[in-house]
Amino acid sequence: MGTPANFLQVFRDIAAIAAALVGVCVALRGLQTWRRQLRANTELEVARLMVRAVLKLRDAIQDLRNPFVAFEEMVVAAQTASEQQPDRTEEFLKKWHRPVFTQRSKPVALAHSEYRAAKLEAEILWGQPFQQECEEFDVLLHDLHIALEDFVRYSDRDHPTLEEEAEREASREVVQRSGKVDSFGVKLTAACDRIEAYLRPKIRLGLN
């Protein structure tokens, strides 16, 4: 039969093993909690960066599409493009589109670069599901780029054909807002809202 001293030693060994197991379980749980928190913090940072980039690009596009063009904006844009004071002639008034939209496009290009960088970070985290949320927005950005090129090119023509006039007016609906129903603007807002709807829950989760 075992002596009391032996039983006591066995009990101590079992207690030590149990304590070690408890310690391992606590450490594993703490590691899992830390990993979840790290993931939540990373998603929060990337989601906020992405929302900021989308809104900045949206605002830059809205400024570009503003149908009101002040005469001074024409003059400054033309002067910047040619590095000299333009003549305030009727010919100049017919050729304002390219310099004005060149200047208006610069903030859009900068915001688009930030958007692409933020989107790359987001795609690393969320992959294909997030890419799908951005598809509509990306298509509209492409459509705007093509329409802007067409609008400026046809606006520079001295004697555009009827077909070119039609192409210019079709592209104008994308490039400039109008008093009518702004279908492009409606689609742009909806696309931005779709991306935000995907990201907002991640921001709220990270803040909790």
N, C-alpha and C. Protein backbone atom coordinates (compact mmCIF):
# COMPACT_ATOMS: atom_id res chain seq x y z
N MET A 1 0.84 -1.20 0.00
CA MET A 1 0.00 0.00 0.00
C MET A 1 0.87 1.23 0.00
N GLY A 2 0.39 2.28 -0.63
CA GLY A 2 1.15 3.51 -0.66
C GLY A 2 1.08 4.24 0.67
N THR A 3 2.15 4.89 0.98
CA THR A 3 2.19 5.67 2.20
C THR A 3 1.51 7.00 1.97
N PRO A 4 1.10 7.69 3.03
CA PRO A 4 0.50 9.02 2.88
C PRO A 4 1.40 9.98 2.13
N ALA A 5 2.71 9.81 2.34
CA ALA A 5 3.66 10.71 1.65
C ALA A 5 3.59 10.49 0.15
N ASN A 6 3.44 9.21 -0.27
CA ASN A 6 3.34 8.93 -1.71
C ASN A 6 2.05 9.51 -2.31
N PHE A 7 0.93 9.30 -1.57
CA PHE A 7 -0.33 9.88 -2.04
C PHE A 7 -0.24 11.40 -2.16
N LEU A 8 0.42 12.01 -1.22
CA LEU A 8 0.58 13.47 -1.25
C LEU A 8 1.39 13.91 -2.45
N GLN A 9 2.43 13.15 -2.77
CA GLN A 9 3.27 13.48 -3.92
C GLN A 9 2.50 13.34 -5.22
N VAL A 10 1.69 12.25 -5.31
CA VAL A 10 0.87 12.05 -6.51
C VAL A 10 -0.13 13.20 -6.67
N PHE A 11 -0.74 13.57 -5.57
CA PHE A 11 -1.70 14.67 -5.60
C PHE A 11 -1.03 15.96 -6.07
N ARG A 12 0.17 16.20 -5.59
CA ARG A 12 0.90 17.41 -5.99
C ARG A 12 1.22 17.38 -7.48
N ASP A 13 1.60 16.18 -7.97
CA ASP A 13 1.91 16.06 -9.40
C ASP A 13 0.68 16.32 -10.27
N ILE A 14 -0.45 15.74 -9.83
CA ILE A 14 -1.70 15.95 -10.58
C ILE A 14 -2.09 17.42 -10.56
N ALA A 15 -1.97 18.06 -9.41
CA ALA A 15 -2.31 19.48 -9.29
C ALA A 15 -1.42 20.33 -10.18
N ALA A 16 -0.13 19.96 -10.24
CA ALA A 16 0.80 20.72 -11.09
C ALA A 16 0.43 20.58 -12.57
N ILE A 17 0.08 19.33 -12.95
CA ILE A 17 -0.32 19.10 -14.34
C ILE A 17 -1.60 19.87 -14.67
N ALA A 18 -2.56 19.81 -13.74
CA ALA A 18 -3.81 20.52 -13.96
C ALA A 18 -3.58 22.02 -14.07
N ALA A 19 -2.72 22.54 -13.21
CA ALA A 19 -2.41 23.98 -13.26
C ALA A 19 -1.76 24.35 -14.58
N ALA A 20 -0.89 23.46 -15.06
CA ALA A 20 -0.22 23.73 -16.34
C ALA A 20 -1.23 23.73 -17.48
N LEU A 21 -2.17 22.77 -17.44
CA LEU A 21 -3.20 22.70 -18.48
C LEU A 21 -4.09 23.93 -18.45
N VAL A 22 -4.46 24.36 -17.25
CA VAL A 22 -5.27 25.57 -17.12
C VAL A 22 -4.51 26.77 -17.69
N GLY A 23 -3.22 26.83 -17.39
CA GLY A 23 -2.40 27.93 -17.90
C GLY A 23 -2.34 27.94 -19.42
N VAL A 24 -2.20 26.73 -19.99
CA VAL A 24 -2.17 26.62 -21.46
C VAL A 24 -3.50 27.07 -22.05
N CYS A 25 -4.61 26.63 -21.44
CA CYS A 25 -5.94 27.02 -21.94
C CYS A 25 -6.14 28.52 -21.87
N VAL A 26 -5.71 29.12 -20.75
CA VAL A 26 -5.84 30.56 -20.60
C VAL A 26 -4.99 31.28 -21.63
N ALA A 27 -3.78 30.77 -21.87
CA ALA A 27 -2.89 31.40 -22.85
C ALA A 27 -3.47 31.31 -24.25
N LEU A 28 -4.03 30.11 -24.59
CA LEU A 28 -4.63 29.94 -25.91
C LEU A 28 -5.83 30.86 -26.10
N ARG A 29 -6.65 30.95 -25.07
CA ARG A 29 -7.81 31.84 -25.16
C ARG A 29 -7.37 33.30 -25.30
N GLY A 30 -6.34 33.67 -24.55
CA GLY A 30 -5.82 35.02 -24.67
C GLY A 30 -5.25 35.29 -26.05
N LEU A 31 -4.58 34.27 -26.63
CA LEU A 31 -4.02 34.42 -27.97
C LEU A 31 -5.13 34.58 -29.00
N GLN A 32 -6.19 33.79 -28.85
CA GLN A 32 -7.32 33.90 -29.77
C GLN A 32 -7.99 35.27 -29.66
N THR A 33 -8.14 35.76 -28.43
CA THR A 33 -8.74 37.08 -28.22
C THR A 33 -7.86 38.16 -28.84
N TRP A 34 -6.55 38.03 -28.66
CA TRP A 34 -5.62 39.01 -29.23
C TRP A 34 -5.69 39.00 -30.75
N ARG A 35 -5.76 37.79 -31.32
CA ARG A 35 -5.84 37.69 -32.78
C ARG A 35 -7.13 38.31 -33.30
N ARG A 36 -8.24 38.06 -32.61
CA ARG A 36 -9.52 38.66 -33.02
C ARG A 36 -9.46 40.18 -32.93
N GLN A 37 -8.86 40.68 -31.85
CA GLN A 37 -8.76 42.12 -31.68
C GLN A 37 -7.85 42.74 -32.73
N LEU A 38 -6.74 42.03 -33.03
CA LEU A 38 -5.83 42.51 -34.05
C LEU A 38 -6.54 42.56 -35.40
N ARG A 39 -7.30 41.52 -35.72
CA ARG A 39 -8.06 41.47 -36.97
C ARG A 39 -9.09 42.59 -37.03
N ALA A 40 -9.79 42.80 -35.91
CA ALA A 40 -10.81 43.86 -35.86
C ALA A 40 -10.17 45.23 -36.04
N ASN A 41 -9.01 45.44 -35.41
CA ASN A 41 -8.33 46.73 -35.54
C ASN A 41 -7.84 46.96 -36.97
N THR A 42 -7.34 45.88 -37.59
CA THR A 42 -6.87 45.99 -38.97
C THR A 42 -8.04 46.30 -39.91
N GLU A 43 -9.15 45.59 -39.71
CA GLU A 43 -10.32 45.83 -40.55
C GLU A 43 -10.87 47.24 -40.34
N LEU A 44 -10.83 47.71 -39.11
CA LEU A 44 -11.29 49.06 -38.82
C LEU A 44 -10.45 50.08 -39.57
N GLU A 45 -9.14 49.93 -39.50
CA GLU A 45 -8.25 50.88 -40.16
C GLU A 45 -8.44 50.88 -41.67
N VAL A 46 -8.51 49.68 -42.26
CA VAL A 46 -8.65 49.58 -43.71
C VAL A 46 -10.04 50.05 -44.15
N ALA A 47 -11.07 49.72 -43.38
CA ALA A 47 -12.43 50.14 -43.73
C ALA A 47 -12.55 51.66 -43.71
N ARG A 48 -11.99 52.29 -42.69
CA ARG A 48 -12.05 53.75 -42.61
C ARG A 48 -11.26 54.38 -43.75
N LEU A 49 -10.12 53.80 -44.07
CA LEU A 49 -9.31 54.30 -45.18
C LEU A 49 -10.07 54.18 -46.49
N MET A 50 -10.78 53.08 -46.67
CA MET A 50 -11.52 52.84 -47.90
C MET A 50 -12.71 53.78 -48.02
N VAL A 51 -13.45 53.95 -46.94
CA VAL A 51 -14.59 54.86 -46.97
C VAL A 51 -14.12 56.29 -47.28
N ARG A 52 -13.04 56.70 -46.65
CA ARG A 52 -12.50 58.04 -46.89
C ARG A 52 -12.10 58.20 -48.36
N ALA A 53 -11.48 57.18 -48.93
CA ALA A 53 -11.05 57.26 -50.33
C ALA A 53 -12.25 57.33 -51.27
N VAL A 54 -13.28 56.55 -51.00
CA VAL A 54 -14.47 56.55 -51.85
C VAL A 54 -15.16 57.91 -51.81
N LEU A 55 -15.32 58.45 -50.61
CA LEU A 55 -16.00 59.74 -50.48
C LEU A 55 -15.18 60.87 -51.11
N LYS A 56 -13.88 60.81 -50.96
CA LYS A 56 -13.02 61.84 -51.56
C LYS A 56 -13.12 61.78 -53.08
N LEU A 57 -13.12 60.58 -53.63
CA LEU A 57 -13.23 60.43 -55.08
C LEU A 57 -14.61 60.87 -55.56
N ARG A 58 -15.63 60.52 -54.81
CA ARG A 58 -16.99 60.95 -55.17
C ARG A 58 -17.09 62.46 -55.21
N ASP A 59 -16.55 63.15 -54.21
CA ASP A 59 -16.62 64.60 -54.16
C ASP A 59 -15.83 65.24 -55.30
N ALA A 60 -14.67 64.66 -55.62
CA ALA A 60 -13.86 65.19 -56.73
C ALA A 60 -14.61 65.05 -58.05
N ILE A 61 -15.32 63.94 -58.21
CA ILE A 61 -16.11 63.74 -59.44
C ILE A 61 -17.27 64.72 -59.49
N GLN A 62 -17.89 64.98 -58.36
CA GLN A 62 -18.98 65.95 -58.34
C GLN A 62 -18.48 67.34 -58.72
N ASP A 63 -17.29 67.71 -58.26
CA ASP A 63 -16.72 69.01 -58.64
C ASP A 63 -16.41 69.04 -60.14
N LEU A 64 -15.89 67.95 -60.65
CA LEU A 64 -15.58 67.89 -62.08
C LEU A 64 -16.85 68.03 -62.92
N ARG A 65 -17.95 67.45 -62.45
CA ARG A 65 -19.19 67.44 -63.21
C ARG A 65 -20.04 68.69 -63.01
N ASN A 66 -19.56 69.62 -62.23
CA ASN A 66 -20.31 70.86 -62.01
C ASN A 66 -20.53 71.56 -63.35
N PRO A 67 -21.77 71.79 -63.76
CA PRO A 67 -22.02 72.39 -65.07
C PRO A 67 -21.65 73.88 -65.14
N PHE A 68 -21.54 74.52 -63.97
CA PHE A 68 -21.21 75.95 -63.98
C PHE A 68 -19.70 76.13 -64.14
N VAL A 69 -19.31 76.89 -65.13
CA VAL A 69 -17.90 77.19 -65.37
C VAL A 69 -17.76 78.71 -65.42
N ALA A 70 -17.12 79.27 -64.43
CA ALA A 70 -16.91 80.73 -64.41
C ALA A 70 -15.88 81.13 -65.46
N PHE A 71 -16.03 82.34 -65.95
CA PHE A 71 -15.08 82.81 -66.98
C PHE A 71 -13.67 82.82 -66.45
N GLU A 72 -13.50 83.19 -65.19
CA GLU A 72 -12.15 83.23 -64.62
C GLU A 72 -11.55 81.83 -64.53
N GLU A 73 -12.40 80.84 -64.31
CA GLU A 73 -11.89 79.46 -64.31
C GLU A 73 -11.36 79.09 -65.69
N MET A 74 -12.06 79.54 -66.74
CA MET A 74 -11.59 79.29 -68.09
C MET A 74 -10.23 79.94 -68.32
N VAL A 75 -10.11 81.19 -67.88
CA VAL A 75 -8.87 81.94 -68.09
C VAL A 75 -7.71 81.29 -67.35
N VAL A 76 -7.92 80.97 -66.07
CA VAL A 76 -6.85 80.38 -65.26
C VAL A 76 -6.45 79.03 -65.83
N ALA A 77 -7.42 78.23 -66.23
CA ALA A 77 -7.12 76.90 -66.77
C ALA A 77 -6.34 77.01 -68.07
N ALA A 78 -6.76 77.94 -68.94
CA ALA A 78 -6.05 78.13 -70.22
C ALA A 78 -4.65 78.67 -69.98
N GLN A 79 -4.50 79.57 -69.02
CA GLN A 79 -3.19 80.14 -68.71
C GLN A 79 -2.27 79.05 -68.14
N THR A 80 -2.81 78.19 -67.30
CA THR A 80 -2.01 77.11 -66.73
C THR A 80 -1.56 76.15 -67.81
N ALA A 81 -2.45 75.88 -68.76
CA ALA A 81 -2.13 74.93 -69.83
C ALA A 81 -1.09 75.49 -70.79
N SER A 82 -1.18 76.79 -71.10
CA SER A 82 -0.29 77.38 -72.10
C SER A 82 0.83 78.21 -71.50
N GLU A 83 0.76 78.44 -70.16
CA GLU A 83 1.75 79.24 -69.45
C GLU A 83 1.81 80.67 -69.98
N GLN A 84 0.72 81.14 -70.50
CA GLN A 84 0.64 82.53 -70.92
C GLN A 84 -0.82 82.99 -70.85
N GLN A 85 -1.01 84.29 -70.78
CA GLN A 85 -2.35 84.84 -70.67
C GLN A 85 -3.11 84.64 -71.98
N PRO A 86 -4.24 83.93 -71.96
CA PRO A 86 -4.98 83.71 -73.20
C PRO A 86 -5.71 84.97 -73.65
N ASP A 87 -5.92 85.04 -74.95
CA ASP A 87 -6.73 86.13 -75.49
C ASP A 87 -8.19 85.87 -75.17
N ARG A 88 -8.88 86.90 -74.69
CA ARG A 88 -10.29 86.75 -74.35
C ARG A 88 -11.13 87.02 -75.59
N THR A 89 -11.07 86.05 -76.48
CA THR A 89 -11.75 86.20 -77.76
C THR A 89 -12.83 85.15 -77.89
N GLU A 90 -13.61 85.28 -78.93
CA GLU A 90 -14.66 84.29 -79.18
C GLU A 90 -14.04 82.93 -79.45
N GLU A 91 -12.89 82.92 -80.10
CA GLU A 91 -12.22 81.66 -80.38
C GLU A 91 -11.82 80.97 -79.08
N PHE A 92 -11.34 81.75 -78.12
CA PHE A 92 -10.96 81.19 -76.82
C PHE A 92 -12.17 80.60 -76.12
N LEU A 93 -13.31 81.28 -76.21
CA LEU A 93 -14.51 80.80 -75.54
C LEU A 93 -14.99 79.47 -76.12
N LYS A 94 -14.62 79.18 -77.35
CA LYS A 94 -15.00 77.93 -77.96
C LYS A 94 -14.07 76.78 -77.56
N LYS A 95 -12.90 77.13 -77.03
CA LYS A 95 -11.87 76.12 -76.77
C LYS A 95 -11.58 75.96 -75.28
N TRP A 96 -12.52 76.29 -74.42
CA TRP A 96 -12.24 76.26 -72.99
C TRP A 96 -12.34 74.86 -72.39
N HIS A 97 -12.98 73.95 -73.08
CA HIS A 97 -13.29 72.65 -72.48
C HIS A 97 -12.04 71.86 -72.06
N ARG A 98 -11.06 71.77 -72.95
CA ARG A 98 -9.89 70.96 -72.65
C ARG A 98 -9.11 71.51 -71.45
N PRO A 99 -8.73 72.79 -71.42
CA PRO A 99 -7.98 73.27 -70.26
C PRO A 99 -8.76 73.21 -68.95
N VAL A 100 -10.05 73.51 -69.00
CA VAL A 100 -10.85 73.47 -67.78
C VAL A 100 -10.95 72.05 -67.24
N PHE A 101 -11.27 71.12 -68.10
CA PHE A 101 -11.43 69.74 -67.62
C PHE A 101 -10.09 69.09 -67.31
N THR A 102 -9.02 69.58 -67.92
CA THR A 102 -7.70 69.10 -67.54
C THR A 102 -7.40 69.47 -66.09
N GLN A 103 -7.72 70.70 -65.73
CA GLN A 103 -7.50 71.14 -64.35
C GLN A 103 -8.46 70.44 -63.38
N ARG A 104 -9.70 70.31 -63.76
CA ARG A 104 -10.68 69.65 -62.88
C ARG A 104 -10.38 68.16 -62.70
N SER A 105 -9.70 67.59 -63.67
CA SER A 105 -9.40 66.16 -63.60
C SER A 105 -8.27 65.83 -62.64
N LYS A 106 -7.45 66.82 -62.30
CA LYS A 106 -6.29 66.55 -61.44
C LYS A 106 -6.69 66.04 -60.05
N PRO A 107 -7.64 66.70 -59.36
CA PRO A 107 -8.07 66.15 -58.07
C PRO A 107 -8.71 64.76 -58.20
N VAL A 108 -9.40 64.53 -59.33
CA VAL A 108 -10.01 63.21 -59.55
C VAL A 108 -8.92 62.16 -59.70
N ALA A 109 -7.88 62.48 -60.45
CA ALA A 109 -6.78 61.53 -60.65
C ALA A 109 -6.08 61.22 -59.33
N LEU A 110 -5.86 62.25 -58.52
CA LEU A 110 -5.22 62.05 -57.22
C LEU A 110 -6.10 61.19 -56.31
N ALA A 111 -7.39 61.50 -56.26
CA ALA A 111 -8.31 60.72 -55.43
C ALA A 111 -8.44 59.29 -55.94
N HIS A 112 -8.38 59.12 -57.24
CA HIS A 112 -8.47 57.77 -57.81
C HIS A 112 -7.26 56.94 -57.42
N SER A 113 -6.08 57.55 -57.38
CA SER A 113 -4.88 56.83 -56.96
C SER A 113 -5.01 56.37 -55.51
N GLU A 114 -5.53 57.24 -54.66
CA GLU A 114 -5.73 56.88 -53.25
C GLU A 114 -6.78 55.77 -53.12
N TYR A 115 -7.81 55.85 -53.95
CA TYR A 115 -8.85 54.82 -53.95
C TYR A 115 -8.28 53.46 -54.34
N ARG A 116 -7.46 53.44 -55.37
CA ARG A 116 -6.88 52.17 -55.82
C ARG A 116 -5.96 51.57 -54.77
N ALA A 117 -5.19 52.41 -54.09
CA ALA A 117 -4.30 51.91 -53.04
C ALA A 117 -5.10 51.35 -51.87
N ALA A 118 -6.16 52.06 -51.47
CA ALA A 118 -7.00 51.59 -50.37
C ALA A 118 -7.74 50.31 -50.77
N LYS A 119 -8.19 50.25 -52.01
CA LYS A 119 -8.91 49.07 -52.48
C LYS A 119 -8.02 47.84 -52.47
N LEU A 120 -6.76 48.01 -52.80
CA LEU A 120 -5.82 46.89 -52.78
C LEU A 120 -5.69 46.33 -51.36
N GLU A 121 -5.58 47.21 -50.38
CA GLU A 121 -5.51 46.76 -48.98
C GLU A 121 -6.80 46.04 -48.59
N ALA A 122 -7.93 46.56 -49.03
CA ALA A 122 -9.21 45.95 -48.68
C ALA A 122 -9.38 44.59 -49.34
N GLU A 123 -8.90 44.45 -50.57
CA GLU A 123 -9.03 43.17 -51.26
C GLU A 123 -8.18 42.10 -50.59
N ILE A 124 -7.06 42.49 -50.00
CA ILE A 124 -6.23 41.53 -49.27
C ILE A 124 -7.00 40.95 -48.09
N LEU A 125 -7.80 41.79 -47.44
CA LEU A 125 -8.57 41.35 -46.27
C LEU A 125 -9.84 40.59 -46.66
N TRP A 126 -10.58 41.10 -47.63
CA TRP A 126 -11.94 40.61 -47.87
C TRP A 126 -12.12 39.93 -49.22
N GLY A 127 -11.12 40.00 -50.07
CA GLY A 127 -11.13 39.23 -51.30
C GLY A 127 -12.27 39.50 -52.26
N GLN A 128 -12.74 38.42 -52.89
CA GLN A 128 -13.75 38.51 -53.94
C GLN A 128 -15.05 39.18 -53.51
N PRO A 129 -15.56 38.90 -52.31
CA PRO A 129 -16.82 39.58 -51.91
C PRO A 129 -16.72 41.10 -51.95
N PHE A 130 -15.57 41.62 -51.53
CA PHE A 130 -15.42 43.08 -51.56
C PHE A 130 -15.25 43.58 -52.98
N GLN A 131 -14.53 42.84 -53.81
CA GLN A 131 -14.37 43.23 -55.21
C GLN A 131 -15.74 43.38 -55.89
N GLN A 132 -16.64 42.47 -55.57
CA GLN A 132 -17.97 42.53 -56.17
C GLN A 132 -18.72 43.79 -55.75
N GLU A 133 -18.51 44.24 -54.52
CA GLU A 133 -19.17 45.46 -54.05
C GLU A 133 -18.66 46.70 -54.78
N CYS A 134 -17.45 46.62 -55.30
CA CYS A 134 -16.83 47.77 -55.98
C CYS A 134 -17.03 47.77 -57.49
N GLU A 135 -17.57 46.68 -58.03
CA GLU A 135 -17.64 46.54 -59.49
C GLU A 135 -18.43 47.68 -60.14
N GLU A 136 -19.59 48.00 -59.60
CA GLU A 136 -20.43 49.05 -60.19
C GLU A 136 -19.72 50.40 -60.16
N PHE A 137 -19.07 50.70 -59.04
CA PHE A 137 -18.33 51.96 -58.91
C PHE A 137 -17.20 52.02 -59.93
N ASP A 138 -16.46 50.92 -60.10
CA ASP A 138 -15.34 50.90 -61.04
C ASP A 138 -15.82 51.06 -62.48
N VAL A 139 -16.96 50.47 -62.80
CA VAL A 139 -17.51 50.62 -64.16
C VAL A 139 -17.87 52.08 -64.43
N LEU A 140 -18.46 52.74 -63.44
CA LEU A 140 -18.82 54.15 -63.61
C LEU A 140 -17.58 55.02 -63.77
N LEU A 141 -16.51 54.70 -63.04
CA LEU A 141 -15.26 55.46 -63.19
C LEU A 141 -14.71 55.30 -64.61
N HIS A 142 -14.79 54.11 -65.14
CA HIS A 142 -14.34 53.87 -66.51
C HIS A 142 -15.22 54.62 -67.50
N ASP A 143 -16.51 54.58 -67.30
CA ASP A 143 -17.44 55.29 -68.20
C ASP A 143 -17.17 56.79 -68.17
N LEU A 144 -16.91 57.33 -67.00
CA LEU A 144 -16.62 58.76 -66.90
C LEU A 144 -15.34 59.11 -67.65
N HIS A 145 -14.33 58.29 -67.52
CA HIS A 145 -13.06 58.54 -68.21
C HIS A 145 -13.26 58.57 -69.72
N ILE A 146 -13.98 57.59 -70.25
CA ILE A 146 -14.23 57.53 -71.70
C ILE A 146 -15.08 58.72 -72.14
N ALA A 147 -16.13 59.02 -71.38
CA ALA A 147 -17.02 60.11 -71.76
C ALA A 147 -16.30 61.45 -71.73
N LEU A 148 -15.41 61.64 -70.77
CA LEU A 148 -14.66 62.90 -70.68
C LEU A 148 -13.75 63.07 -71.88
N GLU A 149 -13.09 62.00 -72.29
CA GLU A 149 -12.22 62.08 -73.47
C GLU A 149 -13.04 62.43 -74.71
N ASP A 150 -14.19 61.78 -74.86
CA ASP A 150 -15.03 62.05 -76.02
C ASP A 150 -15.57 63.48 -76.00
N PHE A 151 -16.01 63.93 -74.84
CA PHE A 151 -16.60 65.26 -74.73
C PHE A 151 -15.59 66.34 -75.08
N VAL A 152 -14.39 66.20 -74.54
CA VAL A 152 -13.35 67.20 -74.82
C VAL A 152 -12.93 67.15 -76.29
N ARG A 153 -12.78 65.95 -76.81
CA ARG A 153 -12.33 65.82 -78.21
C ARG A 153 -13.34 66.43 -79.17
N TYR A 154 -14.61 66.11 -78.98
CA TYR A 154 -15.63 66.64 -79.89
C TYR A 154 -15.89 68.13 -79.67
N SER A 155 -15.66 68.60 -78.46
CA SER A 155 -15.85 70.03 -78.18
C SER A 155 -14.77 70.87 -78.84
N ASP A 156 -13.62 70.26 -79.13
CA ASP A 156 -12.52 70.98 -79.78
C ASP A 156 -12.72 71.12 -81.29
N ARG A 157 -13.65 70.38 -81.84
CA ARG A 157 -13.84 70.40 -83.29
C ARG A 157 -14.45 71.72 -83.73
N ASP A 158 -13.87 72.30 -84.77
CA ASP A 158 -14.41 73.55 -85.30
C ASP A 158 -15.74 73.32 -86.02
N HIS A 159 -15.81 72.25 -86.77
CA HIS A 159 -17.02 71.96 -87.52
C HIS A 159 -17.38 70.49 -87.33
N PRO A 160 -17.91 70.16 -86.16
CA PRO A 160 -18.26 68.75 -85.90
C PRO A 160 -19.40 68.28 -86.77
N THR A 161 -19.37 67.02 -87.13
CA THR A 161 -20.46 66.42 -87.89
C THR A 161 -21.66 66.20 -86.97
N LEU A 162 -22.78 65.86 -87.59
CA LEU A 162 -23.98 65.59 -86.79
C LEU A 162 -23.74 64.41 -85.85
N GLU A 163 -23.01 63.43 -86.33
CA GLU A 163 -22.70 62.26 -85.50
C GLU A 163 -21.81 62.66 -84.32
N GLU A 164 -20.84 63.52 -84.59
CA GLU A 164 -19.95 63.97 -83.51
C GLU A 164 -20.71 64.83 -82.51
N GLU A 165 -21.64 65.64 -83.00
CA GLU A 165 -22.48 66.44 -82.10
C GLU A 165 -23.30 65.52 -81.20
N ALA A 166 -23.84 64.45 -81.78
CA ALA A 166 -24.62 63.50 -80.98
C ALA A 166 -23.75 62.81 -79.94
N GLU A 167 -22.53 62.45 -80.35
CA GLU A 167 -21.61 61.81 -79.42
C GLU A 167 -21.24 62.75 -78.28
N ARG A 168 -21.05 64.01 -78.59
CA ARG A 168 -20.69 64.98 -77.56
C ARG A 168 -21.84 65.15 -76.57
N GLU A 169 -23.05 65.25 -77.06
CA GLU A 169 -24.18 65.43 -76.17
C GLU A 169 -24.41 64.18 -75.32
N ALA A 170 -24.15 63.01 -75.89
CA ALA A 170 -24.28 61.77 -75.12
C ALA A 170 -23.25 61.73 -74.00
N SER A 171 -22.03 62.14 -74.31
CA SER A 171 -20.98 62.15 -73.30
C SER A 171 -21.20 63.25 -72.27
N ARG A 172 -21.85 64.35 -72.68
CA ARG A 172 -22.13 65.45 -71.75
C ARG A 172 -22.99 64.98 -70.58
N GLU A 173 -23.89 64.05 -70.84
CA GLU A 173 -24.78 63.55 -69.78
C GLU A 173 -24.00 62.88 -68.66
N VAL A 174 -22.81 62.35 -69.00
CA VAL A 174 -21.95 61.74 -67.99
C VAL A 174 -21.01 62.77 -67.38
N VAL A 175 -20.46 63.62 -68.21
CA VAL A 175 -19.43 64.57 -67.78
C VAL A 175 -20.00 65.72 -66.96
N GLN A 176 -21.21 66.17 -67.30
CA GLN A 176 -21.79 67.33 -66.62
C GLN A 176 -23.18 67.01 -66.09
N ARG A 177 -23.44 67.51 -64.87
CA ARG A 177 -24.79 67.42 -64.34
C ARG A 177 -25.70 68.37 -65.11
N SER A 178 -26.97 68.06 -65.09
CA SER A 178 -27.93 68.92 -65.78
C SER A 178 -29.13 69.11 -64.89
N GLY A 179 -30.03 69.98 -65.33
CA GLY A 179 -31.24 70.21 -64.57
C GLY A 179 -32.22 69.06 -64.67
N LYS A 180 -31.98 68.18 -65.63
CA LYS A 180 -32.83 67.02 -65.80
C LYS A 180 -32.42 65.94 -64.79
N VAL A 181 -33.01 64.77 -64.93
CA VAL A 181 -32.64 63.66 -64.06
C VAL A 181 -31.19 63.27 -64.36
N ASP A 182 -30.35 63.33 -63.35
CA ASP A 182 -28.93 63.03 -63.51
C ASP A 182 -28.72 61.53 -63.27
N SER A 183 -28.92 60.75 -64.32
CA SER A 183 -28.86 59.29 -64.17
C SER A 183 -27.48 58.83 -63.74
N PHE A 184 -26.43 59.45 -64.28
CA PHE A 184 -25.07 59.05 -63.89
C PHE A 184 -24.83 59.37 -62.42
N GLY A 185 -25.26 60.55 -61.99
CA GLY A 185 -25.08 60.94 -60.59
C GLY A 185 -25.82 60.01 -59.64
N VAL A 186 -27.02 59.60 -60.05
CA VAL A 186 -27.80 58.67 -59.23
C VAL A 186 -27.08 57.33 -59.10
N LYS A 187 -26.55 56.84 -60.22
CA LYS A 187 -25.81 55.57 -60.20
C LYS A 187 -24.54 55.69 -59.36
N LEU A 188 -23.86 56.84 -59.47
CA LEU A 188 -22.63 57.04 -58.71
C LEU A 188 -22.91 57.03 -57.20
N THR A 189 -23.95 57.72 -56.79
CA THR A 189 -24.32 57.74 -55.38
C THR A 189 -24.68 56.34 -54.89
N ALA A 190 -25.44 55.61 -55.70
CA ALA A 190 -25.84 54.25 -55.31
C ALA A 190 -24.62 53.34 -55.18
N ALA A 191 -23.66 53.49 -56.08
CA ALA A 191 -22.45 52.67 -56.04
C ALA A 191 -21.63 52.98 -54.79
N CYS A 192 -21.52 54.26 -54.45
CA CYS A 192 -20.80 54.66 -53.24
C CYS A 192 -21.51 54.12 -52.00
N ASP A 193 -22.82 54.22 -51.98
CA ASP A 193 -23.61 53.72 -50.85
C ASP A 193 -23.43 52.22 -50.67
N ARG A 194 -23.32 51.51 -51.77
CA ARG A 194 -23.15 50.05 -51.71
C ARG A 194 -21.82 49.69 -51.04
N ILE A 195 -20.76 50.40 -51.40
CA ILE A 195 -19.45 50.14 -50.78
C ILE A 195 -19.49 50.50 -49.30
N GLU A 196 -20.08 51.64 -48.99
CA GLU A 196 -20.19 52.06 -47.59
C GLU A 196 -20.98 51.05 -46.76
N ALA A 197 -22.06 50.51 -47.33
CA ALA A 197 -22.89 49.56 -46.61
C ALA A 197 -22.10 48.30 -46.26
N TYR A 198 -21.15 47.94 -47.09
CA TYR A 198 -20.30 46.79 -46.80
C TYR A 198 -19.30 47.10 -45.70
N LEU A 199 -18.81 48.33 -45.67
CA LEU A 199 -17.72 48.69 -44.77
C LEU A 199 -18.18 49.19 -43.40
N ARG A 200 -19.35 49.82 -43.33
CA ARG A 200 -19.79 50.42 -42.07
C ARG A 200 -19.87 49.41 -40.91
N PRO A 201 -20.42 48.19 -41.14
CA PRO A 201 -20.45 47.23 -40.04
C PRO A 201 -19.07 46.87 -39.50
N LYS A 202 -18.08 46.85 -40.37
CA LYS A 202 -16.71 46.55 -39.95
C LYS A 202 -16.14 47.68 -39.11
N ILE A 203 -16.54 48.90 -39.43
CA ILE A 203 -16.09 50.04 -38.64
C ILE A 203 -16.75 50.01 -37.26
N ARG A 204 -18.05 49.73 -37.22
CA ARG A 204 -18.74 49.66 -35.94
C ARG A 204 -18.18 48.54 -35.07
N LEU A 205 -17.87 47.40 -35.69
CA LEU A 205 -17.33 46.27 -34.94
C LEU A 205 -15.97 46.62 -34.36
N GLY A 206 -15.16 47.33 -35.13
CA GLY A 206 -13.83 47.70 -34.66
C GLY A 206 -13.86 48.73 -33.55
N LEU A 207 -14.91 49.54 -33.52
CA LEU A 207 -15.01 50.58 -32.49
C LEU A 207 -15.58 50.04 -31.18
N ASN A 208 -16.23 48.89 -31.23
CA ASN A 208 -16.82 48.31 -30.01
C ASN A 208 -15.76 47.64 -29.13
